[in-house]
Structures are given as structure tokens and as C-alpha cells.
Full PDB file with SEQRES, HELIX, SHEET, SSBOND, CRYST1, ORIGX, SCALE, CONECT and MASTER records, all heavy atoms in Angstrom:
SEQRES   1 A   41  GLN HIS LEU MET GLN GLY HIS TYR GLU LYS PRO PRO TYR          
SEQRES   2 A   41  THR GLU ASN THR ILE ARG SER VAL TYR HIS ILE ARG ASN          
SEQRES   3 A   41  LEU GLU ILE PHE ARG LEU LYS GLN LEU THR GLY ASN ILE          
SEQRES   4 A   41  ASP ILE                                                      
HELIX    1 AA1 THR A   17  SER A   20  1                                   4    
HELIX    2 AA2 ASN A   26  LEU A   32  1                                   7    
CRYST1    1.000    1.000    1.000  90.00  90.00  90.00 P 1           1          
ORIGX1      1.000000  0.000000  0.000000        0.00000                         
ORIGX2      0.000000  1.000000  0.000000        0.00000                         
ORIGX3      0.000000  0.000000  1.000000        0.00000                         
SCALE1      1.000000  0.000000  0.000000        0.00000                         
SCALE2      0.000000  1.000000  0.000000        0.00000                         
SCALE3      0.000000  0.000000  1.000000        0.00000                         
ATOM      1  N   GLN A   1     -26.257  11.239   6.110  1.00  0.00           N  
ATOM      2  CA  GLN A   1     -25.744  12.275   5.224  1.00  0.00           C  
ATOM      3  C   GLN A   1     -24.233  12.183   5.013  1.00  0.00           C  
ATOM      4  O   GLN A   1     -23.699  12.787   4.085  1.00  0.00           O  
ATOM      5  CB  GLN A   1     -26.104  13.671   5.745  1.00  0.00           C  
ATOM      6  CG  GLN A   1     -25.445  14.077   7.053  1.00  0.00           C  
ATOM      7  CD  GLN A   1     -26.286  13.747   8.262  1.00  0.00           C  
ATOM      8  OE1 GLN A   1     -26.999  12.728   8.265  1.00  0.00           O  
ATOM      9  NE2 GLN A   1     -26.235  14.599   9.279  1.00  0.00           N  
ATOM     10  N   HIS A   2     -23.538  11.421   5.865  1.00  0.00           N  
ATOM     11  CA  HIS A   2     -22.087  11.318   5.737  1.00  0.00           C  
ATOM     12  C   HIS A   2     -21.620   9.921   5.324  1.00  0.00           C  
ATOM     13  O   HIS A   2     -20.423   9.714   5.115  1.00  0.00           O  
ATOM     14  CB  HIS A   2     -21.408  11.700   7.051  1.00  0.00           C  
ATOM     15  CG  HIS A   2     -21.643  13.124   7.441  1.00  0.00           C  
ATOM     16  ND1 HIS A   2     -22.160  13.479   8.677  1.00  0.00           N  
ATOM     17  CD2 HIS A   2     -21.470  14.274   6.756  1.00  0.00           C  
ATOM     18  CE1 HIS A   2     -22.272  14.793   8.736  1.00  0.00           C  
ATOM     19  NE2 HIS A   2     -21.870  15.300   7.590  1.00  0.00           N  
ATOM     20  N   LEU A   3     -22.541   8.984   5.207  1.00  0.00           N  
ATOM     21  CA  LEU A   3     -22.163   7.592   4.956  1.00  0.00           C  
ATOM     22  C   LEU A   3     -21.328   7.430   3.692  1.00  0.00           C  
ATOM     23  O   LEU A   3     -20.360   6.663   3.667  1.00  0.00           O  
ATOM     24  CB  LEU A   3     -23.424   6.718   4.861  1.00  0.00           C  
ATOM     25  CG  LEU A   3     -23.196   5.232   4.572  1.00  0.00           C  
ATOM     26  CD1 LEU A   3     -22.448   4.568   5.720  1.00  0.00           C  
ATOM     27  CD2 LEU A   3     -24.517   4.520   4.306  1.00  0.00           C  
ATOM     28  N   MET A   4     -21.655   8.161   2.634  1.00  0.00           N  
ATOM     29  CA  MET A   4     -21.007   7.941   1.341  1.00  0.00           C  
ATOM     30  C   MET A   4     -19.893   8.949   1.057  1.00  0.00           C  
ATOM     31  O   MET A   4     -19.423   9.058  -0.074  1.00  0.00           O  
ATOM     32  CB  MET A   4     -22.048   7.963   0.224  1.00  0.00           C  
ATOM     33  CG  MET A   4     -23.088   6.873   0.371  1.00  0.00           C  
ATOM     34  SD  MET A   4     -24.296   6.822  -0.969  1.00  0.00           S  
ATOM     35  CE  MET A   4     -23.252   6.266  -2.322  1.00  0.00           C  
ATOM     36  N   GLN A   5     -19.472   9.666   2.078  1.00  0.00           N  
ATOM     37  CA  GLN A   5     -18.370  10.597   1.900  1.00  0.00           C  
ATOM     38  C   GLN A   5     -17.040   9.950   2.246  1.00  0.00           C  
ATOM     39  O   GLN A   5     -16.987   8.890   2.861  1.00  0.00           O  
ATOM     40  CB  GLN A   5     -18.589  11.839   2.777  1.00  0.00           C  
ATOM     41  CG  GLN A   5     -19.791  12.680   2.355  1.00  0.00           C  
ATOM     42  CD  GLN A   5     -19.972  13.905   3.221  1.00  0.00           C  
ATOM     43  OE1 GLN A   5     -19.769  13.854   4.427  1.00  0.00           O  
ATOM     44  NE2 GLN A   5     -20.351  15.014   2.608  1.00  0.00           N  
ATOM     45  N   GLY A   6     -15.956  10.607   1.839  1.00  0.00           N  
ATOM     46  CA  GLY A   6     -14.639  10.140   2.214  1.00  0.00           C  
ATOM     47  C   GLY A   6     -14.265  10.625   3.600  1.00  0.00           C  
ATOM     48  O   GLY A   6     -15.007  11.364   4.252  1.00  0.00           O  
ATOM     49  N   HIS A   7     -13.094  10.221   4.059  1.00  0.00           N  
ATOM     50  CA  HIS A   7     -12.589  10.656   5.357  1.00  0.00           C  
ATOM     51  C   HIS A   7     -11.866  11.989   5.172  1.00  0.00           C  
ATOM     52  O   HIS A   7     -10.636  12.057   5.175  1.00  0.00           O  
ATOM     53  CB  HIS A   7     -11.649   9.603   5.943  1.00  0.00           C  
ATOM     54  CG  HIS A   7     -12.335   8.331   6.337  1.00  0.00           C  
ATOM     55  ND1 HIS A   7     -13.121   8.226   7.459  1.00  0.00           N  
ATOM     56  CD2 HIS A   7     -12.353   7.100   5.751  1.00  0.00           C  
ATOM     57  CE1 HIS A   7     -13.588   6.983   7.567  1.00  0.00           C  
ATOM     58  NE2 HIS A   7     -13.143   6.285   6.535  1.00  0.00           N  
ATOM     59  N   TYR A   8     -12.627  13.048   5.028  1.00  0.00           N  
ATOM     60  CA  TYR A   8     -12.076  14.347   4.660  1.00  0.00           C  
ATOM     61  C   TYR A   8     -11.752  15.231   5.855  1.00  0.00           C  
ATOM     62  O   TYR A   8     -11.047  16.234   5.719  1.00  0.00           O  
ATOM     63  CB  TYR A   8     -13.061  15.092   3.754  1.00  0.00           C  
ATOM     64  CG  TYR A   8     -14.351  15.502   4.430  1.00  0.00           C  
ATOM     65  CD1 TYR A   8     -14.484  16.743   5.038  1.00  0.00           C  
ATOM     66  CD2 TYR A   8     -15.447  14.628   4.482  1.00  0.00           C  
ATOM     67  CE1 TYR A   8     -15.668  17.117   5.669  1.00  0.00           C  
ATOM     68  CE2 TYR A   8     -16.621  14.991   5.115  1.00  0.00           C  
ATOM     69  CZ  TYR A   8     -16.727  16.229   5.700  1.00  0.00           C  
ATOM     70  OH  TYR A   8     -17.891  16.586   6.341  1.00  0.00           O  
ATOM     71  N   GLU A   9     -12.235  14.891   7.040  1.00  0.00           N  
ATOM     72  CA  GLU A   9     -12.052  15.759   8.195  1.00  0.00           C  
ATOM     73  C   GLU A   9     -10.603  15.715   8.694  1.00  0.00           C  
ATOM     74  O   GLU A   9      -9.931  14.684   8.601  1.00  0.00           O  
ATOM     75  CB  GLU A   9     -12.975  15.334   9.340  1.00  0.00           C  
ATOM     76  CG  GLU A   9     -14.460  15.353   8.994  1.00  0.00           C  
ATOM     77  CD  GLU A   9     -14.964  14.041   8.416  1.00  0.00           C  
ATOM     78  OE1 GLU A   9     -14.118  13.167   8.103  1.00  0.00           O  
ATOM     79  OE2 GLU A   9     -16.184  13.883   8.287  1.00  0.00           O  
ATOM     80  N   LYS A  10     -10.149  16.825   9.224  1.00  0.00           N  
ATOM     81  CA  LYS A  10      -8.832  16.862   9.841  1.00  0.00           C  
ATOM     82  C   LYS A  10      -8.798  17.982  10.881  1.00  0.00           C  
ATOM     83  O   LYS A  10      -9.491  18.987  10.748  1.00  0.00           O  
ATOM     84  CB  LYS A  10      -7.733  17.078   8.795  1.00  0.00           C  
ATOM     85  CG  LYS A  10      -7.796  18.389   8.038  1.00  0.00           C  
ATOM     86  CD  LYS A  10      -6.710  18.453   6.994  1.00  0.00           C  
ATOM     87  CE  LYS A  10      -6.772  19.764   6.207  1.00  0.00           C  
ATOM     88  NZ  LYS A  10      -6.463  20.928   7.045  1.00  0.00           N  
ATOM     89  N   PRO A  11      -8.002  17.788  11.927  1.00  0.00           N  
ATOM     90  CA  PRO A  11      -7.881  18.847  12.926  1.00  0.00           C  
ATOM     91  C   PRO A  11      -7.048  20.012  12.379  1.00  0.00           C  
ATOM     92  O   PRO A  11      -6.173  19.790  11.532  1.00  0.00           O  
ATOM     93  CB  PRO A  11      -7.141  18.144  14.078  1.00  0.00           C  
ATOM     94  CG  PRO A  11      -6.408  17.006  13.432  1.00  0.00           C  
ATOM     95  CD  PRO A  11      -7.253  16.575  12.272  1.00  0.00           C  
ATOM     96  N   PRO A  12      -7.321  21.241  12.864  1.00  0.00           N  
ATOM     97  CA  PRO A  12      -8.371  21.601  13.827  1.00  0.00           C  
ATOM     98  C   PRO A  12      -9.758  21.493  13.200  1.00  0.00           C  
ATOM     99  O   PRO A  12      -9.963  21.920  12.062  1.00  0.00           O  
ATOM    100  CB  PRO A  12      -8.034  23.047  14.193  1.00  0.00           C  
ATOM    101  CG  PRO A  12      -7.280  23.578  13.019  1.00  0.00           C  
ATOM    102  CD  PRO A  12      -6.519  22.416  12.463  1.00  0.00           C  
ATOM    103  N   TYR A  13     -10.694  20.915  13.922  1.00  0.00           N  
ATOM    104  CA  TYR A  13     -12.019  20.645  13.390  1.00  0.00           C  
ATOM    105  C   TYR A  13     -12.898  21.891  13.438  1.00  0.00           C  
ATOM    106  O   TYR A  13     -12.708  22.785  14.257  1.00  0.00           O  
ATOM    107  CB  TYR A  13     -12.696  19.524  14.190  1.00  0.00           C  
ATOM    108  CG  TYR A  13     -11.930  18.230  14.180  1.00  0.00           C  
ATOM    109  CD1 TYR A  13     -11.367  17.719  15.354  1.00  0.00           C  
ATOM    110  CD2 TYR A  13     -11.767  17.501  13.017  1.00  0.00           C  
ATOM    111  CE1 TYR A  13     -10.667  16.529  15.351  1.00  0.00           C  
ATOM    112  CE2 TYR A  13     -11.065  16.309  13.005  1.00  0.00           C  
ATOM    113  CZ  TYR A  13     -10.519  15.825  14.175  1.00  0.00           C  
ATOM    114  OH  TYR A  13      -9.811  14.651  14.180  1.00  0.00           O  
ATOM    115  N   THR A  14     -13.864  21.917  12.544  1.00  0.00           N  
ATOM    116  CA  THR A  14     -14.892  22.957  12.583  1.00  0.00           C  
ATOM    117  C   THR A  14     -16.054  22.455  13.448  1.00  0.00           C  
ATOM    118  O   THR A  14     -16.056  21.310  13.918  1.00  0.00           O  
ATOM    119  CB  THR A  14     -15.405  23.266  11.180  1.00  0.00           C  
ATOM    120  OG1 THR A  14     -16.123  22.123  10.675  1.00  0.00           O  
ATOM    121  CG2 THR A  14     -14.260  23.596  10.228  1.00  0.00           C  
ATOM    122  N   GLU A  15     -17.049  23.292  13.609  1.00  0.00           N  
ATOM    123  CA  GLU A  15     -18.219  22.896  14.385  1.00  0.00           C  
ATOM    124  C   GLU A  15     -18.913  21.691  13.752  1.00  0.00           C  
ATOM    125  O   GLU A  15     -19.530  20.881  14.463  1.00  0.00           O  
ATOM    126  CB  GLU A  15     -19.194  24.073  14.476  1.00  0.00           C  
ATOM    127  CG  GLU A  15     -20.386  23.820  15.379  1.00  0.00           C  
ATOM    128  CD  GLU A  15     -21.283  25.038  15.531  1.00  0.00           C  
ATOM    129  OE1 GLU A  15     -20.831  26.153  15.170  1.00  0.00           O  
ATOM    130  OE2 GLU A  15     -22.418  24.874  16.000  1.00  0.00           O  
ATOM    131  N   ASN A  16     -18.799  21.555  12.441  1.00  0.00           N  
ATOM    132  CA  ASN A  16     -19.410  20.417  11.750  1.00  0.00           C  
ATOM    133  C   ASN A  16     -18.496  19.200  11.722  1.00  0.00           C  
ATOM    134  O   ASN A  16     -18.928  18.078  12.017  1.00  0.00           O  
ATOM    135  CB  ASN A  16     -19.791  20.806  10.325  1.00  0.00           C  
ATOM    136  CG  ASN A  16     -20.916  21.813  10.281  1.00  0.00           C  
ATOM    137  OD1 ASN A  16     -21.825  21.775  11.104  1.00  0.00           O  
ATOM    138  ND2 ASN A  16     -20.869  22.730   9.332  1.00  0.00           N  
ATOM    139  N   THR A  17     -17.236  19.379  11.372  1.00  0.00           N  
ATOM    140  CA  THR A  17     -16.353  18.218  11.205  1.00  0.00           C  
ATOM    141  C   THR A  17     -15.991  17.556  12.523  1.00  0.00           C  
ATOM    142  O   THR A  17     -15.619  16.385  12.541  1.00  0.00           O  
ATOM    143  CB  THR A  17     -15.070  18.599  10.457  1.00  0.00           C  
ATOM    144  OG1 THR A  17     -14.360  19.613  11.194  1.00  0.00           O  
ATOM    145  CG2 THR A  17     -15.383  19.098   9.058  1.00  0.00           C  
ATOM    146  N   ILE A  18     -16.109  18.280  13.629  1.00  0.00           N  
ATOM    147  CA  ILE A  18     -15.821  17.652  14.923  1.00  0.00           C  
ATOM    148  C   ILE A  18     -16.832  16.552  15.220  1.00  0.00           C  
ATOM    149  O   ILE A  18     -16.584  15.664  16.046  1.00  0.00           O  
ATOM    150  CB  ILE A  18     -15.818  18.715  16.048  1.00  0.00           C  
ATOM    151  CG1 ILE A  18     -15.103  18.167  17.291  1.00  0.00           C  
ATOM    152  CG2 ILE A  18     -17.248  19.154  16.398  1.00  0.00           C  
ATOM    153  CD1 ILE A  18     -14.892  19.202  18.372  1.00  0.00           C  
ATOM    154  N   ARG A  19     -17.980  16.576  14.516  1.00  0.00           N  
ATOM    155  CA  ARG A  19     -18.982  15.516  14.641  1.00  0.00           C  
ATOM    156  C   ARG A  19     -18.933  14.538  13.469  1.00  0.00           C  
ATOM    157  O   ARG A  19     -18.985  13.330  13.672  1.00  0.00           O  
ATOM    158  CB  ARG A  19     -20.380  16.131  14.773  1.00  0.00           C  
ATOM    159  CG  ARG A  19     -20.580  16.843  16.095  1.00  0.00           C  
ATOM    160  CD  ARG A  19     -21.875  17.628  16.161  1.00  0.00           C  
ATOM    161  NE  ARG A  19     -22.069  18.170  17.505  1.00  0.00           N  
ATOM    162  CZ  ARG A  19     -21.466  19.264  17.956  1.00  0.00           C  
ATOM    163  NH1 ARG A  19     -20.670  19.955  17.150  1.00  0.00           N  
ATOM    164  NH2 ARG A  19     -21.669  19.680  19.193  1.00  0.00           N  
ATOM    165  N   SER A  20     -18.833  15.043  12.273  1.00  0.00           N  
ATOM    166  CA  SER A  20     -18.841  14.131  11.123  1.00  0.00           C  
ATOM    167  C   SER A  20     -17.632  13.207  11.113  1.00  0.00           C  
ATOM    168  O   SER A  20     -17.677  12.129  10.518  1.00  0.00           O  
ATOM    169  CB  SER A  20     -18.904  14.923   9.809  1.00  0.00           C  
ATOM    170  OG  SER A  20     -17.737  15.709   9.617  1.00  0.00           O  
ATOM    171  N   VAL A  21     -16.540  13.591  11.785  1.00  0.00           N  
ATOM    172  CA  VAL A  21     -15.336  12.765  11.775  1.00  0.00           C  
ATOM    173  C   VAL A  21     -15.583  11.390  12.385  1.00  0.00           C  
ATOM    174  O   VAL A  21     -14.909  10.419  12.033  1.00  0.00           O  
ATOM    175  CB  VAL A  21     -14.184  13.490  12.517  1.00  0.00           C  
ATOM    176  CG1 VAL A  21     -14.475  13.621  14.004  1.00  0.00           C  
ATOM    177  CG2 VAL A  21     -12.852  12.803  12.275  1.00  0.00           C  
ATOM    178  N   TYR A  22     -16.560  11.262  13.279  1.00  0.00           N  
ATOM    179  CA  TYR A  22     -16.828   9.945  13.871  1.00  0.00           C  
ATOM    180  C   TYR A  22     -18.057   9.262  13.260  1.00  0.00           C  
ATOM    181  O   TYR A  22     -18.553   8.279  13.814  1.00  0.00           O  
ATOM    182  CB  TYR A  22     -16.967  10.040  15.398  1.00  0.00           C  
ATOM    183  CG  TYR A  22     -17.994  11.016  15.922  1.00  0.00           C  
ATOM    184  CD1 TYR A  22     -19.357  10.772  15.795  1.00  0.00           C  
ATOM    185  CD2 TYR A  22     -17.596  12.169  16.605  1.00  0.00           C  
ATOM    186  CE1 TYR A  22     -20.299  11.652  16.311  1.00  0.00           C  
ATOM    187  CE2 TYR A  22     -18.530  13.060  17.126  1.00  0.00           C  
ATOM    188  CZ  TYR A  22     -19.873  12.796  16.973  1.00  0.00           C  
ATOM    189  OH  TYR A  22     -20.812  13.670  17.479  1.00  0.00           O  
ATOM    190  N   HIS A  23     -18.514   9.740  12.130  1.00  0.00           N  
ATOM    191  CA  HIS A  23     -19.615   9.059  11.436  1.00  0.00           C  
ATOM    192  C   HIS A  23     -19.063   7.997  10.494  1.00  0.00           C  
ATOM    193  O   HIS A  23     -18.079   8.233   9.791  1.00  0.00           O  
ATOM    194  CB  HIS A  23     -20.458  10.078  10.658  1.00  0.00           C  
ATOM    195  CG  HIS A  23     -21.176  11.051  11.544  1.00  0.00           C  
ATOM    196  ND1 HIS A  23     -21.675  12.252  11.096  1.00  0.00           N  
ATOM    197  CD2 HIS A  23     -21.485  10.990  12.873  1.00  0.00           C  
ATOM    198  CE1 HIS A  23     -22.247  12.898  12.091  1.00  0.00           C  
ATOM    199  NE2 HIS A  23     -22.152  12.144  13.180  1.00  0.00           N  
ATOM    200  N   ILE A  24     -19.691   6.839  10.489  1.00  0.00           N  
ATOM    201  CA  ILE A  24     -19.179   5.718   9.701  1.00  0.00           C  
ATOM    202  C   ILE A  24     -19.292   6.010   8.214  1.00  0.00           C  
ATOM    203  O   ILE A  24     -20.132   6.800   7.778  1.00  0.00           O  
ATOM    204  CB  ILE A  24     -19.898   4.401  10.050  1.00  0.00           C  
ATOM    205  CG1 ILE A  24     -21.387   4.475   9.684  1.00  0.00           C  
ATOM    206  CG2 ILE A  24     -19.727   4.067  11.525  1.00  0.00           C  
ATOM    207  CD1 ILE A  24     -22.116   3.160   9.845  1.00  0.00           C  
ATOM    208  N   ARG A  25     -18.456   5.342   7.414  1.00  0.00           N  
ATOM    209  CA  ARG A  25     -18.405   5.548   5.973  1.00  0.00           C  
ATOM    210  C   ARG A  25     -18.651   4.228   5.236  1.00  0.00           C  
ATOM    211  O   ARG A  25     -18.375   3.140   5.740  1.00  0.00           O  
ATOM    212  CB  ARG A  25     -17.043   6.115   5.549  1.00  0.00           C  
ATOM    213  CG  ARG A  25     -16.665   7.443   6.195  1.00  0.00           C  
ATOM    214  CD  ARG A  25     -17.716   8.522   5.954  1.00  0.00           C  
ATOM    215  NE  ARG A  25     -17.176   9.863   5.984  1.00  0.00           N  
ATOM    216  CZ  ARG A  25     -17.202  10.688   7.028  1.00  0.00           C  
ATOM    217  NH1 ARG A  25     -17.717  10.275   8.173  1.00  0.00           N  
ATOM    218  NH2 ARG A  25     -16.710  11.914   6.943  1.00  0.00           N  
ATOM    219  N   ASN A  26     -19.132   4.370   4.008  1.00  0.00           N  
ATOM    220  CA  ASN A  26     -19.450   3.174   3.224  1.00  0.00           C  
ATOM    221  C   ASN A  26     -18.214   2.353   2.886  1.00  0.00           C  
ATOM    222  O   ASN A  26     -18.307   1.154   2.639  1.00  0.00           O  
ATOM    223  CB  ASN A  26     -20.221   3.541   1.954  1.00  0.00           C  
ATOM    224  CG  ASN A  26     -19.457   4.476   1.028  1.00  0.00           C  
ATOM    225  OD1 ASN A  26     -18.467   5.095   1.419  1.00  0.00           O  
ATOM    226  ND2 ASN A  26     -19.933   4.622  -0.199  1.00  0.00           N  
ATOM    227  N   LEU A  27     -17.024   2.960   2.863  1.00  0.00           N  
ATOM    228  CA  LEU A  27     -15.808   2.200   2.572  1.00  0.00           C  
ATOM    229  C   LEU A  27     -15.606   1.101   3.599  1.00  0.00           C  
ATOM    230  O   LEU A  27     -15.311  -0.055   3.241  1.00  0.00           O  
ATOM    231  CB  LEU A  27     -14.596   3.142   2.559  1.00  0.00           C  
ATOM    232  CG  LEU A  27     -13.232   2.455   2.427  1.00  0.00           C  
ATOM    233  CD1 LEU A  27     -13.138   1.680   1.114  1.00  0.00           C  
ATOM    234  CD2 LEU A  27     -12.100   3.467   2.539  1.00  0.00           C  
ATOM    235  N   GLU A  28     -15.763   1.438   4.884  1.00  0.00           N  
ATOM    236  CA  GLU A  28     -15.556   0.428   5.924  1.00  0.00           C  
ATOM    237  C   GLU A  28     -16.640  -0.653   5.879  1.00  0.00           C  
ATOM    238  O   GLU A  28     -16.360  -1.839   6.104  1.00  0.00           O  
ATOM    239  CB  GLU A  28     -15.528   1.078   7.304  1.00  0.00           C  
ATOM    240  CG  GLU A  28     -14.197   1.714   7.664  1.00  0.00           C  
ATOM    241  CD  GLU A  28     -13.861   2.936   6.830  1.00  0.00           C  
ATOM    242  OE1 GLU A  28     -14.740   3.820   6.691  1.00  0.00           O  
ATOM    243  OE2 GLU A  28     -12.723   3.026   6.312  1.00  0.00           O  
ATOM    244  N   ILE A  29     -17.871  -0.262   5.569  1.00  0.00           N  
ATOM    245  CA  ILE A  29     -18.943  -1.259   5.440  1.00  0.00           C  
ATOM    246  C   ILE A  29     -18.636  -2.202   4.279  1.00  0.00           C  
ATOM    247  O   ILE A  29     -18.758  -3.434   4.391  1.00  0.00           O  
ATOM    248  CB  ILE A  29     -20.310  -0.575   5.207  1.00  0.00           C  
ATOM    249  CG1 ILE A  29     -20.623   0.411   6.344  1.00  0.00           C  
ATOM    250  CG2 ILE A  29     -21.416  -1.614   5.090  1.00  0.00           C  
ATOM    251  CD1 ILE A  29     -20.692  -0.204   7.708  1.00  0.00           C  
ATOM    252  N   PHE A  30     -18.216  -1.631   3.161  1.00  0.00           N  
ATOM    253  CA  PHE A  30     -17.870  -2.429   1.982  1.00  0.00           C  
ATOM    254  C   PHE A  30     -16.743  -3.400   2.294  1.00  0.00           C  
ATOM    255  O   PHE A  30     -16.802  -4.593   1.920  1.00  0.00           O  
ATOM    256  CB  PHE A  30     -17.471  -1.485   0.843  1.00  0.00           C  
ATOM    257  CG  PHE A  30     -17.105  -2.166  -0.443  1.00  0.00           C  
ATOM    258  CD1 PHE A  30     -18.087  -2.606  -1.323  1.00  0.00           C  
ATOM    259  CD2 PHE A  30     -15.771  -2.372  -0.775  1.00  0.00           C  
ATOM    260  CE1 PHE A  30     -17.746  -3.249  -2.513  1.00  0.00           C  
ATOM    261  CE2 PHE A  30     -15.421  -3.011  -1.954  1.00  0.00           C  
ATOM    262  CZ  PHE A  30     -16.414  -3.446  -2.831  1.00  0.00           C  
ATOM    263  N   ARG A  31     -15.723  -2.921   2.980  1.00  0.00           N  
ATOM    264  CA  ARG A  31     -14.592  -3.788   3.302  1.00  0.00           C  
ATOM    265  C   ARG A  31     -15.005  -4.919   4.234  1.00  0.00           C  
ATOM    266  O   ARG A  31     -14.593  -6.072   4.046  1.00  0.00           O  
ATOM    267  CB  ARG A  31     -13.476  -2.958   3.947  1.00  0.00           C  
ATOM    268  CG  ARG A  31     -12.676  -2.128   2.952  1.00  0.00           C  
ATOM    269  CD  ARG A  31     -11.728  -1.160   3.625  1.00  0.00           C  
ATOM    270  NE  ARG A  31     -10.719  -0.670   2.690  1.00  0.00           N  
ATOM    271  CZ  ARG A  31      -9.886   0.329   2.931  1.00  0.00           C  
ATOM    272  NH1 ARG A  31      -9.957   0.968   4.100  1.00  0.00           N  
ATOM    273  NH2 ARG A  31      -8.997   0.701   2.034  1.00  0.00           N  
ATOM    274  N   LEU A  32     -15.808  -4.609   5.240  1.00  0.00           N  
ATOM    275  CA  LEU A  32     -16.234  -5.652   6.176  1.00  0.00           C  
ATOM    276  C   LEU A  32     -17.097  -6.706   5.505  1.00  0.00           C  
ATOM    277  O   LEU A  32     -17.112  -7.865   5.925  1.00  0.00           O  
ATOM    278  CB  LEU A  32     -16.986  -5.024   7.352  1.00  0.00           C  
ATOM    279  CG  LEU A  32     -16.114  -4.236   8.345  1.00  0.00           C  
ATOM    280  CD1 LEU A  32     -16.979  -3.378   9.274  1.00  0.00           C  
ATOM    281  CD2 LEU A  32     -15.235  -5.183   9.175  1.00  0.00           C  
ATOM    282  N   LYS A  33     -17.796  -6.322   4.440  1.00  0.00           N  
ATOM    283  CA  LYS A  33     -18.620  -7.293   3.717  1.00  0.00           C  
ATOM    284  C   LYS A  33     -17.791  -8.255   2.871  1.00  0.00           C  
ATOM    285  O   LYS A  33     -18.323  -9.255   2.376  1.00  0.00           O  
ATOM    286  CB  LYS A  33     -19.637  -6.567   2.832  1.00  0.00           C  
ATOM    287  CG  LYS A  33     -20.809  -5.982   3.596  1.00  0.00           C  
ATOM    288  CD  LYS A  33     -21.841  -5.383   2.665  1.00  0.00           C  
ATOM    289  CE  LYS A  33     -23.065  -4.891   3.416  1.00  0.00           C  
ATOM    290  NZ  LYS A  33     -24.076  -4.294   2.509  1.00  0.00           N  
ATOM    291  N   GLN A  34     -16.522  -7.967   2.677  1.00  0.00           N  
ATOM    292  CA  GLN A  34     -15.671  -8.868   1.897  1.00  0.00           C  
ATOM    293  C   GLN A  34     -15.157 -10.040   2.726  1.00  0.00           C  
ATOM    294  O   GLN A  34     -14.598 -10.990   2.179  1.00  0.00           O  
ATOM    295  CB  GLN A  34     -14.475  -8.105   1.310  1.00  0.00           C  
ATOM    296  CG  GLN A  34     -14.813  -6.811   0.592  1.00  0.00           C  
ATOM    297  CD  GLN A  34     -15.850  -6.982  -0.496  1.00  0.00           C  
ATOM    298  OE1 GLN A  34     -15.738  -7.875  -1.349  1.00  0.00           O  
ATOM    299  NE2 GLN A  34     -16.870  -6.134  -0.472  1.00  0.00           N  
ATOM    300  N   LEU A  35     -15.352  -9.967   4.049  1.00  0.00           N  
ATOM    301  CA  LEU A  35     -14.854 -11.020   4.929  1.00  0.00           C  
ATOM    302  C   LEU A  35     -15.626 -12.325   4.725  1.00  0.00           C  
ATOM    303  O   LEU A  35     -16.827 -12.314   4.429  1.00  0.00           O  
ATOM    304  CB  LEU A  35     -14.975 -10.600   6.387  1.00  0.00           C  
ATOM    305  CG  LEU A  35     -14.069  -9.471   6.867  1.00  0.00           C  
ATOM    306  CD1 LEU A  35     -14.532  -8.975   8.233  1.00  0.00           C  
ATOM    307  CD2 LEU A  35     -12.613  -9.922   6.936  1.00  0.00           C  
ATOM    308  N   THR A  36     -14.943 -13.422   4.901  1.00  0.00           N  
ATOM    309  CA  THR A  36     -15.576 -14.742   4.896  1.00  0.00           C  
ATOM    310  C   THR A  36     -15.239 -15.445   6.207  1.00  0.00           C  
ATOM    311  O   THR A  36     -14.432 -14.967   7.001  1.00  0.00           O  
ATOM    312  CB  THR A  36     -15.076 -15.590   3.715  1.00  0.00           C  
ATOM    313  OG1 THR A  36     -13.658 -15.788   3.849  1.00  0.00           O  
ATOM    314  CG2 THR A  36     -15.367 -14.908   2.382  1.00  0.00           C  
ATOM    315  N   GLY A  37     -15.850 -16.586   6.416  1.00  0.00           N  
ATOM    316  CA  GLY A  37     -15.553 -17.345   7.618  1.00  0.00           C  
ATOM    317  C   GLY A  37     -16.271 -16.795   8.829  1.00  0.00           C  
ATOM    318  O   GLY A  37     -16.941 -15.755   8.787  1.00  0.00           O  
ATOM    319  N   ASN A  38     -16.114 -17.479   9.930  1.00  0.00           N  
ATOM    320  CA  ASN A  38     -16.833 -17.133  11.147  1.00  0.00           C  
ATOM    321  C   ASN A  38     -16.182 -15.948  11.850  1.00  0.00           C  
ATOM    322  O   ASN A  38     -14.959 -15.844  11.943  1.00  0.00           O  
ATOM    323  CB  ASN A  38     -16.867 -18.325  12.105  1.00  0.00           C  
ATOM    324  CG  ASN A  38     -17.673 -18.027  13.354  1.00  0.00           C  
ATOM    325  OD1 ASN A  38     -18.846 -17.675  13.268  1.00  0.00           O  
ATOM    326  ND2 ASN A  38     -17.053 -18.163  14.515  1.00  0.00           N  
ATOM    327  N   ILE A  39     -17.011 -15.050  12.331  1.00  0.00           N  
ATOM    328  CA  ILE A  39     -16.566 -13.963  13.196  1.00  0.00           C  
ATOM    329  C   ILE A  39     -17.097 -14.257  14.593  1.00  0.00           C  
ATOM    330  O   ILE A  39     -18.305 -14.392  14.777  1.00  0.00           O  
ATOM    331  CB  ILE A  39     -17.074 -12.596  12.701  1.00  0.00           C  
ATOM    332  CG1 ILE A  39     -16.506 -12.291  11.309  1.00  0.00           C  
ATOM    333  CG2 ILE A  39     -16.704 -11.495  13.680  1.00  0.00           C  
ATOM    334  CD1 ILE A  39     -17.092 -11.054  10.667  1.00  0.00           C  
ATOM    335  N   ASP A  40     -16.210 -14.372  15.544  1.00  0.00           N  
ATOM    336  CA  ASP A  40     -16.633 -14.730  16.898  1.00  0.00           C  
ATOM    337  C   ASP A  40     -17.289 -13.562  17.616  1.00  0.00           C  
ATOM    338  O   ASP A  40     -18.325 -13.723  18.266  1.00  0.00           O  
ATOM    339  CB  ASP A  40     -15.429 -15.234  17.704  1.00  0.00           C  
ATOM    340  CG  ASP A  40     -14.846 -16.503  17.127  1.00  0.00           C  
ATOM    341  OD1 ASP A  40     -15.560 -17.515  17.087  1.00  0.00           O  
ATOM    342  OD2 ASP A  40     -13.679 -16.479  16.686  1.00  0.00           O  
ATOM    343  N   ILE A  41     -16.664 -12.388  17.516  1.00  0.00           N  
ATOM    344  CA  ILE A  41     -17.167 -11.206  18.217  1.00  0.00           C  
ATOM    345  C   ILE A  41     -17.153 -10.018  17.259  1.00  0.00           C  
ATOM    346  O   ILE A  41     -16.146  -9.764  16.598  1.00  0.00           O  
ATOM    347  CB  ILE A  41     -16.307 -10.871  19.448  1.00  0.00           C  
ATOM    348  CG1 ILE A  41     -16.399 -11.994  20.489  1.00  0.00           C  
ATOM    349  CG2 ILE A  41     -16.716  -9.539  20.066  1.00  0.00           C  
ATOM    350  CD1 ILE A  41     -15.442 -11.822  21.655  1.00  0.00           C  
TER     351      ILE A  41                                                      
MASTER        0    0    0    2    0    0    0    6  350    1    0    4          
END                                                                             
């Protein structure tokens, strides 16, 4: 439910944002898919 949202959370967190703040977002997935070459780890 949070994958396609922006990084909108900020402290002080609410009962919801204190959890959604550590949910991954599609921006980071998209960026990592642009990498080429070997990734060791």
C-alpha cells in the first residue's frame, strides 16, 4: 500500500507514519534497476 508513494513522512511521526516511513518505495526500486555491471553483494 505504500510502495508507490513518495517519502512524505516526517517526525514527529503519527501512529501510521512511524511504520510507513520504513516501507520501501518504487523510486528506489526504479533507480536500482538502472544499474549495470556486476553487483558483488
